[in-house]
Amino acid sequence: MFKTLKRLASALLIATLISAAVFATPAEAAGLATPRNCHFIRWLDHGFTSFRVGWNLVKGANKYIIELAYADGTNAKYYESSKSYATLAISNNRRVHKVRVCACKVNSSGDILKYSKPSNTAFIVPSPTEWSVSMPDRTKYRVKIKWNRVVGANGYNIFLSTNPKGPWYINKQTSTSSATSVTTDRYRGTKFKKYTNYYVRIVSRRVLNGRYITVPTPTNHSTFYFWFH
């Protein structure tokens, strides 16, 4: 029981250090090198609730503390790993999350001997999981595609295909997080045709260092389709 409480106390202390290290001077944060290349690896389910994140190992570290929070920094939670990756879960797949990693050297008693500054930030960007299609003007072969908003996304890519296995082609792009619908009447530059299934995939985007980034969707990411008759 005592050891369990000690480990919990140690984890809480490390969590505090992660937050404090952002504002620490180099001398205060000295000890271990900062983990590099913190990055999203892949989604582990098509509902955007479980994913894997990785980073470069740090010489002298035997434990890594992972901070998982909403993109705005709220709702932070902390996890441990002794490897160069971790599998994490999110309960809210309608929000962009971010991950940072802190390297630590911990002895067999759970005492923190050294720690690093937090790594770079990796964004975890779920895509919409709810959609709908309406046809405001069937005679002009025009459709309106709608989806649920993902808080923290900076826009969306809308892909179309005539084969659910691909290839997929960009049809529309939005540049604001508030946009949750587009209207289109073309596929690859030509008007939609009758009796053809058009499959839709919507992917969220996030701005990082002035550029849009996307997080790869799961291989079995759900799609939907529409057709004219």
C-alpha atoms as a PDB file:
ATOM      1  CA  MET A   1       0.000   0.000   0.000  1.00  0.00           C
ATOM      2  CA  PHE A   2       2.796   2.408   0.962  1.00  0.00           C
ATOM      3  CA  LYS A   3       4.663   1.686  -2.285  1.00  0.00           C
ATOM      4  CA  THR A   4       1.513   2.293  -4.320  1.00  0.00           C
ATOM      5  CA  LEU A   5       0.932   5.637  -2.639  1.00  0.00           C
ATOM      6  CA  LYS A   6       4.568   6.549  -3.176  1.00  0.00           C
ATOM      7  CA  ARG A   7       4.328   5.785  -6.891  1.00  0.00           C
ATOM      8  CA  LEU A   8       1.196   7.900  -7.164  1.00  0.00           C
ATOM      9  CA  ALA A   9       2.872  10.744  -5.310  1.00  0.00           C
ATOM     10  CA  SER A  10       5.863  10.438  -7.616  1.00  0.00           C
ATOM     11  CA  ALA A  11       3.650  10.589 -10.712  1.00  0.00           C
ATOM     12  CA  LEU A  12       1.899  13.678  -9.351  1.00  0.00           C
ATOM     13  CA  LEU A  13       5.231  15.345  -8.665  1.00  0.00           C
ATOM     14  CA  ILE A  14       6.460  14.599 -12.172  1.00  0.00           C
ATOM     15  CA  ALA A  15       3.220  16.001 -13.571  1.00  0.00           C
ATOM     16  CA  THR A  16       3.857  19.200 -11.611  1.00  0.00           C
ATOM     17  CA  LEU A  17       7.410  19.349 -12.957  1.00  0.00           C
ATOM     18  CA  ILE A  18       6.151  19.078 -16.527  1.00  0.00           C
ATOM     19  CA  SER A  19       4.007  22.172 -16.104  1.00  0.00           C
ATOM     20  CA  ALA A  20       6.661  24.047 -14.159  1.00  0.00           C
ATOM     21  CA  ALA A  21       9.411  23.192 -16.639  1.00  0.00           C
ATOM     22  CA  VAL A  22       7.771  25.357 -19.289  1.00  0.00           C
ATOM     23  CA  PHE A  23       8.776  28.407 -17.270  1.00  0.00           C
ATOM     24  CA  ALA A  24      11.956  27.017 -15.697  1.00  0.00           C
ATOM     25  CA  THR A  25      15.381  28.448 -16.323  1.00  0.00           C
ATOM     26  CA  PRO A  26      17.948  26.161 -18.009  1.00  0.00           C
ATOM     27  CA  ALA A  27      19.676  25.585 -14.663  1.00  0.00           C
ATOM     28  CA  GLU A  28      16.438  24.562 -12.962  1.00  0.00           C
ATOM     29  CA  ALA A  29      15.562  22.135 -15.749  1.00  0.00           C
ATOM     30  CA  ALA A  30      19.048  20.718 -16.175  1.00  0.00           C
ATOM     31  CA  GLY A  31      19.504  16.948 -16.010  1.00  0.00           C
ATOM     32  CA  LEU A  32      18.271  15.156 -19.099  1.00  0.00           C
ATOM     33  CA  ALA A  33      18.007  16.135 -22.734  1.00  0.00           C
ATOM     34  CA  THR A  34      14.603  17.136 -24.046  1.00  0.00           C
ATOM     35  CA  PRO A  35      12.775  14.336 -25.901  1.00  0.00           C
ATOM     36  CA  ARG A  36      12.664  15.065 -29.611  1.00  0.00           C
ATOM     37  CA  ASN A  37      10.272  14.184 -32.395  1.00  0.00           C
ATOM     38  CA  CYS A  38       7.133  13.689 -30.339  1.00  0.00           C
ATOM     39  CA  HIS A  39       4.701  12.628 -33.053  1.00  0.00           C
ATOM     40  CA  PHE A  40       1.373  10.974 -33.764  1.00  0.00           C
ATOM     41  CA  ILE A  41       1.819   7.449 -35.144  1.00  0.00           C
ATOM     42  CA  ARG A  42      -1.660   6.150 -35.948  1.00  0.00           C
ATOM     43  CA  TRP A  43      -5.235   5.704 -34.837  1.00  0.00           C
ATOM     44  CA  LEU A  44      -6.060   2.280 -33.436  1.00  0.00           C
ATOM     45  CA  ASP A  45      -9.810   2.379 -34.078  1.00  0.00           C
ATOM     46  CA  HIS A  46     -12.128   3.973 -36.618  1.00  0.00           C
ATOM     47  CA  GLY A  47     -13.988   5.960 -33.946  1.00  0.00           C
ATOM     48  CA  PHE A  48     -10.963   8.185 -33.116  1.00  0.00           C
ATOM     49  CA  THR A  49     -10.808   7.178 -29.457  1.00  0.00           C
ATOM     50  CA  SER A  50      -7.501   5.270 -29.237  1.00  0.00           C
ATOM     51  CA  PHE A  51      -4.151   6.180 -30.769  1.00  0.00           C
ATOM     52  CA  ARG A  52      -0.392   5.689 -30.517  1.00  0.00           C
ATOM     53  CA  VAL A  53       2.176   8.451 -30.079  1.00  0.00           C
ATOM     54  CA  GLY A  54       5.974   8.150 -30.198  1.00  0.00           C
ATOM     55  CA  TRP A  55       9.213  10.075 -29.515  1.00  0.00           C
ATOM     56  CA  ASN A  56      12.981   9.646 -29.579  1.00  0.00           C
ATOM     57  CA  LEU A  57      14.544   7.965 -26.557  1.00  0.00           C
ATOM     58  CA  VAL A  58      16.714  10.098 -24.268  1.00  0.00           C
ATOM     59  CA  LYS A  59      20.063   8.840 -22.981  1.00  0.00           C
ATOM     60  CA  GLY A  60      19.952   8.267 -19.224  1.00  0.00           C
ATOM     61  CA  ALA A  61      16.133   8.249 -18.980  1.00  0.00           C
ATOM     62  CA  ASN A  62      14.239   5.178 -17.780  1.00  0.00           C
ATOM     63  CA  LYS A  63      10.750   6.647 -17.648  1.00  0.00           C
ATOM     64  CA  TYR A  64       8.688   9.018 -19.764  1.00  0.00           C
ATOM     65  CA  ILE A  65       5.692  10.999 -18.548  1.00  0.00           C
ATOM     66  CA  ILE A  66       3.153  11.845 -21.244  1.00  0.00           C
ATOM     67  CA  GLU A  67       0.881  14.850 -20.932  1.00  0.00           C
ATOM     68  CA  LEU A  68      -2.403  14.536 -22.842  1.00  0.00           C
ATOM     69  CA  ALA A  69      -4.643  17.610 -22.926  1.00  0.00           C
ATOM     70  CA  TYR A  70      -7.151  19.452 -25.068  1.00  0.00           C
ATOM     71  CA  ALA A  71      -5.579  21.687 -27.720  1.00  0.00           C
ATOM     72  CA  ASP A  72      -6.152  24.731 -25.505  1.00  0.00           C
ATOM     73  CA  GLY A  73      -4.213  23.109 -22.638  1.00  0.00           C
ATOM     74  CA  THR A  74      -7.200  22.282 -20.426  1.00  0.00           C
ATOM     75  CA  ASN A  75      -8.201  18.845 -19.113  1.00  0.00           C
ATOM     76  CA  ALA A  76      -4.585  17.667 -18.813  1.00  0.00           C
ATOM     77  CA  LYS A  77      -3.933  14.048 -17.838  1.00  0.00           C
ATOM     78  CA  TYR A  78      -0.645  12.211 -17.306  1.00  0.00           C
ATOM     79  CA  TYR A  79       0.564   8.736 -18.223  1.00  0.00           C
ATOM     80  CA  GLU A  80       3.802   6.788 -17.867  1.00  0.00           C
ATOM     81  CA  SER A  81       5.868   4.735 -20.309  1.00  0.00           C
ATOM     82  CA  SER A  82       9.315   3.162 -20.289  1.00  0.00           C
ATOM     83  CA  LYS A  83       9.374   2.837 -24.084  1.00  0.00           C
ATOM     84  CA  SER A  84       9.604   5.214 -27.044  1.00  0.00           C
ATOM     85  CA  TYR A  85       5.847   5.172 -27.543  1.00  0.00           C
ATOM     86  CA  ALA A  86       2.557   4.988 -25.674  1.00  0.00           C
ATOM     87  CA  THR A  87      -0.986   3.921 -26.486  1.00  0.00           C
ATOM     88  CA  LEU A  88      -3.501   6.446 -25.207  1.00  0.00           C
ATOM     89  CA  ALA A  89      -7.265   6.903 -25.289  1.00  0.00           C
ATOM     90  CA  ILE A  90      -9.446   9.994 -25.441  1.00  0.00           C
ATOM     91  CA  SER A  91     -13.002  10.183 -24.172  1.00  0.00           C
ATOM     92  CA  ASN A  92     -13.999  13.168 -26.316  1.00  0.00           C
ATOM     93  CA  ASN A  93     -13.455  12.500 -30.017  1.00  0.00           C
ATOM     94  CA  ARG A  94     -14.978  15.865 -30.923  1.00  0.00           C
ATOM     95  CA  ARG A  95     -11.947  17.797 -29.699  1.00  0.00           C
ATOM     96  CA  VAL A  96      -8.381  18.148 -30.921  1.00  0.00           C
ATOM     97  CA  HIS A  97      -5.873  17.026 -28.280  1.00  0.00           C
ATOM     98  CA  LYS A  98      -2.166  17.640 -27.832  1.00  0.00           C
ATOM     99  CA  VAL A  99       0.642  15.525 -26.395  1.00  0.00           C
ATOM    100  CA  ARG A 100       3.982  16.417 -24.805  1.00  0.00           C
ATOM    101  CA  VAL A 101       6.583  14.122 -23.247  1.00  0.00           C
ATOM    102  CA  CYS A 102       8.994  14.622 -20.362  1.00  0.00           C
ATOM    103  CA  ALA A 103      11.999  12.290 -19.829  1.00  0.00           C
ATOM    104  CA  CYS A 104      12.861  11.235 -16.282  1.00  0.00           C
ATOM    105  CA  LYS A 105      15.391   9.169 -14.423  1.00  0.00           C
ATOM    106  CA  VAL A 106      13.737   7.392 -11.503  1.00  0.00           C
ATOM    107  CA  ASN A 107      15.373   5.045  -9.003  1.00  0.00           C
ATOM    108  CA  SER A 108      13.958   1.732  -7.752  1.00  0.00           C
ATOM    109  CA  SER A 109      12.179   3.525  -4.911  1.00  0.00           C
ATOM    110  CA  GLY A 110      10.328   5.797  -7.298  1.00  0.00           C
ATOM    111  CA  ASP A 111      12.370   8.892  -6.466  1.00  0.00           C
ATOM    112  CA  ILE A 112      12.953  11.366  -9.299  1.00  0.00           C
ATOM    113  CA  LEU A 113      16.670  11.874  -9.855  1.00  0.00           C
ATOM    114  CA  LYS A 114      16.604  13.857 -13.097  1.00  0.00           C
ATOM    115  CA  TYR A 115      14.029  15.216 -15.523  1.00  0.00           C
ATOM    116  CA  SER A 116      13.905  17.113 -18.790  1.00  0.00           C
ATOM    117  CA  LYS A 117      12.014  19.972 -20.305  1.00  0.00           C
ATOM    118  CA  PRO A 118       8.839  18.974 -22.181  1.00  0.00           C
ATOM    119  CA  SER A 119       9.146  17.859 -25.781  1.00  0.00           C
ATOM    120  CA  ASN A 120       7.628  19.521 -28.799  1.00  0.00           C
ATOM    121  CA  THR A 121       3.848  19.318 -29.074  1.00  0.00           C
ATOM    122  CA  ALA A 122       2.129  16.679 -31.201  1.00  0.00           C
ATOM    123  CA  PHE A 123      -1.493  17.374 -32.145  1.00  0.00           C
ATOM    124  CA  ILE A 124      -4.024  14.547 -32.152  1.00  0.00           C
ATOM    125  CA  VAL A 125      -6.721  15.547 -34.655  1.00  0.00           C
ATOM    126  CA  PRO A 126      -9.895  13.431 -34.818  1.00  0.00           C
ATOM    127  CA  SER A 127     -12.059  13.692 -37.914  1.00  0.00           C
ATOM    128  CA  PRO A 128     -15.843  14.067 -37.889  1.00  0.00           C
ATOM    129  CA  THR A 129     -17.806  10.895 -37.157  1.00  0.00           C
ATOM    130  CA  GLU A 130     -21.305  12.152 -38.019  1.00  0.00           C
ATOM    131  CA  TRP A 131     -22.410  13.301 -41.466  1.00  0.00           C
ATOM    132  CA  SER A 132     -25.464  13.989 -43.559  1.00  0.00           C
ATOM    133  CA  VAL A 133     -26.172  14.724 -47.220  1.00  0.00           C
ATOM    134  CA  SER A 134     -29.042  16.713 -48.669  1.00  0.00           C
ATOM    135  CA  MET A 135     -29.843  17.619 -52.253  1.00  0.00           C
ATOM    136  CA  PRO A 136     -30.999  21.240 -52.430  1.00  0.00           C
ATOM    137  CA  ASP A 137     -31.276  21.064 -56.218  1.00  0.00           C
ATOM    138  CA  ARG A 138     -31.540  17.620 -57.794  1.00  0.00           C
ATOM    139  CA  THR A 139     -32.020  19.060 -61.276  1.00  0.00           C
ATOM    140  CA  LYS A 140     -28.555  20.648 -61.089  1.00  0.00           C
ATOM    141  CA  TYR A 141     -26.999  17.600 -59.411  1.00  0.00           C
ATOM    142  CA  ARG A 142     -26.009  19.601 -56.375  1.00  0.00           C
ATOM    143  CA  VAL A 143     -25.440  18.190 -52.877  1.00  0.00           C
ATOM    144  CA  LYS A 144     -24.857  19.724 -49.464  1.00  0.00           C
ATOM    145  CA  ILE A 145     -22.557  17.752 -47.159  1.00  0.00           C
ATOM    146  CA  LYS A 146     -22.666  18.433 -43.408  1.00  0.00           C
ATOM    147  CA  TRP A 147     -20.635  17.069 -40.486  1.00  0.00           C
ATOM    148  CA  ASN A 148     -20.116  17.532 -36.759  1.00  0.00           C
ATOM    149  CA  ARG A 149     -17.635  20.171 -35.616  1.00  0.00           C
ATOM    150  CA  VAL A 150     -14.297  19.102 -34.128  1.00  0.00           C
ATOM    151  CA  VAL A 151     -13.288  21.716 -31.549  1.00  0.00           C
ATOM    152  CA  GLY A 152      -9.711  22.838 -32.143  1.00  0.00           C
ATOM    153  CA  ALA A 153      -9.673  21.964 -35.843  1.00  0.00           C
ATOM    154  CA  ASN A 154      -8.767  24.806 -38.201  1.00  0.00           C
ATOM    155  CA  GLY A 155     -10.601  23.442 -41.216  1.00  0.00           C
ATOM    156  CA  TYR A 156     -11.560  20.300 -43.094  1.00  0.00           C
ATOM    157  CA  ASN A 157     -10.674  18.469 -46.299  1.00  0.00           C
ATOM    158  CA  ILE A 158     -13.590  16.845 -48.113  1.00  0.00           C
ATOM    159  CA  PHE A 159     -12.594  13.910 -50.312  1.00  0.00           C
ATOM    160  CA  LEU A 160     -14.718  12.112 -52.906  1.00  0.00           C
ATOM    161  CA  SER A 161     -14.285   8.808 -54.682  1.00  0.00           C
ATOM    162  CA  THR A 162     -16.342   6.428 -56.792  1.00  0.00           C
ATOM    163  CA  ASN A 163     -14.641   3.478 -55.080  1.00  0.00           C
ATOM    164  CA  PRO A 164     -14.703   3.168 -51.261  1.00  0.00           C
ATOM    165  CA  LYS A 165     -11.221   1.599 -51.412  1.00  0.00           C
ATOM    166  CA  GLY A 166      -9.871   4.654 -53.248  1.00  0.00           C
ATOM    167  CA  PRO A 167      -8.177   6.506 -54.731  1.00  0.00           C
ATOM    168  CA  TRP A 168      -9.618   9.610 -53.049  1.00  0.00           C
ATOM    169  CA  TYR A 169      -9.664  13.106 -54.526  1.00  0.00           C
ATOM    170  CA  ILE A 170      -9.926  16.462 -52.753  1.00  0.00           C
ATOM    171  CA  ASN A 171     -13.250  18.042 -53.623  1.00  0.00           C
ATOM    172  CA  LYS A 172     -13.512  20.942 -51.173  1.00  0.00           C
ATOM    173  CA  GLN A 173     -11.466  22.549 -48.405  1.00  0.00           C
ATOM    174  CA  THR A 174     -12.602  24.794 -45.593  1.00  0.00           C
ATOM    175  CA  SER A 175     -10.272  27.160 -43.751  1.00  0.00           C
ATOM    176  CA  THR A 176     -12.265  27.858 -40.577  1.00  0.00           C
ATOM    177  CA  SER A 177     -13.231  25.684 -37.627  1.00  0.00           C
ATOM    178  CA  SER A 178     -16.808  26.983 -37.725  1.00  0.00           C
ATOM    179  CA  ALA A 179     -17.469  25.652 -41.246  1.00  0.00           C
ATOM    180  CA  THR A 180     -19.387  22.392 -40.978  1.00  0.00           C
ATOM    181  CA  SER A 181     -20.866  22.090 -44.467  1.00  0.00           C
ATOM    182  CA  VAL A 182     -20.035  22.496 -48.146  1.00  0.00           C
ATOM    183  CA  THR A 183     -22.085  22.467 -51.332  1.00  0.00           C
ATOM    184  CA  THR A 184     -20.722  20.833 -54.449  1.00  0.00           C
ATOM    185  CA  ASP A 185     -21.930  19.717 -57.879  1.00  0.00           C
ATOM    186  CA  ARG A 186     -18.766  18.239 -59.374  1.00  0.00           C
ATOM    187  CA  TYR A 187     -16.445  15.272 -59.126  1.00  0.00           C
ATOM    188  CA  ARG A 188     -12.906  15.742 -60.470  1.00  0.00           C
ATOM    189  CA  GLY A 189     -13.995  18.788 -62.441  1.00  0.00           C
ATOM    190  CA  THR A 190     -17.091  17.316 -64.115  1.00  0.00           C
ATOM    191  CA  LYS A 191     -20.753  17.358 -63.134  1.00  0.00           C
ATOM    192  CA  PHE A 192     -22.117  14.485 -61.056  1.00  0.00           C
ATOM    193  CA  LYS A 193     -23.693  11.678 -63.058  1.00  0.00           C
ATOM    194  CA  LYS A 194     -26.811   9.611 -62.537  1.00  0.00           C
ATOM    195  CA  TYR A 195     -26.671   6.133 -61.021  1.00  0.00           C
ATOM    196  CA  THR A 196     -23.118   6.556 -59.699  1.00  0.00           C
ATOM    197  CA  ASN A 197     -22.185   6.117 -56.049  1.00  0.00           C
ATOM    198  CA  TYR A 198     -20.049   8.981 -54.776  1.00  0.00           C
ATOM    199  CA  TYR A 199     -18.269   8.158 -51.520  1.00  0.00           C
ATOM    200  CA  VAL A 200     -17.350  10.905 -49.059  1.00  0.00           C
ATOM    201  CA  ARG A 201     -14.540  11.158 -46.500  1.00  0.00           C
ATOM    202  CA  ILE A 202     -14.036  14.208 -44.267  1.00  0.00           C
ATOM    203  CA  VAL A 203     -10.656  14.859 -42.639  1.00  0.00           C
ATOM    204  CA  SER A 204      -9.957  17.537 -40.023  1.00  0.00           C
ATOM    205  CA  ARG A 205      -6.972  19.869 -40.329  1.00  0.00           C
ATOM    206  CA  ARG A 206      -4.940  21.801 -37.761  1.00  0.00           C
ATOM    207  CA  VAL A 207      -2.582  24.759 -38.202  1.00  0.00           C
ATOM    208  CA  LEU A 208       0.949  24.144 -36.921  1.00  0.00           C
ATOM    209  CA  ASN A 209       3.723  26.722 -37.411  1.00  0.00           C
ATOM    210  CA  GLY A 210       1.630  28.502 -40.004  1.00  0.00           C
ATOM    211  CA  ARG A 211       0.928  25.375 -42.060  1.00  0.00           C
ATOM    212  CA  TYR A 212      -2.031  23.033 -42.205  1.00  0.00           C
ATOM    213  CA  ILE A 213      -1.398  19.509 -40.959  1.00  0.00           C
ATOM    214  CA  THR A 214      -3.642  16.480 -41.063  1.00  0.00           C
ATOM    215  CA  VAL A 215      -3.523  13.323 -38.987  1.00  0.00           C
ATOM    216  CA  PRO A 216      -3.849  10.151 -41.092  1.00  0.00           C
ATOM    217  CA  THR A 217      -7.282   8.580 -40.796  1.00  0.00           C
ATOM    218  CA  PRO A 218      -7.691   4.928 -39.783  1.00  0.00           C
ATOM    219  CA  THR A 219      -7.485   2.418 -42.622  1.00  0.00           C
ATOM    220  CA  ASN A 220     -11.090   1.440 -41.888  1.00  0.00           C
ATOM    221  CA  HIS A 221     -12.301   5.013 -41.466  1.00  0.00           C
ATOM    222  CA  SER A 222     -16.031   5.071 -42.106  1.00  0.00           C
ATOM    223  CA  THR A 223     -17.331   6.708 -45.255  1.00  0.00           C
ATOM    224  CA  PHE A 224     -20.773   7.427 -46.661  1.00  0.00           C
ATOM    225  CA  TYR A 225     -22.094   7.909 -50.162  1.00  0.00           C
ATOM    226  CA  PHE A 226     -24.821   9.526 -52.260  1.00  0.00           C
ATOM    227  CA  TRP A 227     -26.167   9.108 -55.767  1.00  0.00           C
ATOM    228  CA  PHE A 228     -28.575  10.709 -58.223  1.00  0.00           C
ATOM    229  CA  HIS A 229     -31.361   8.907 -60.053  1.00  0.00           C
END
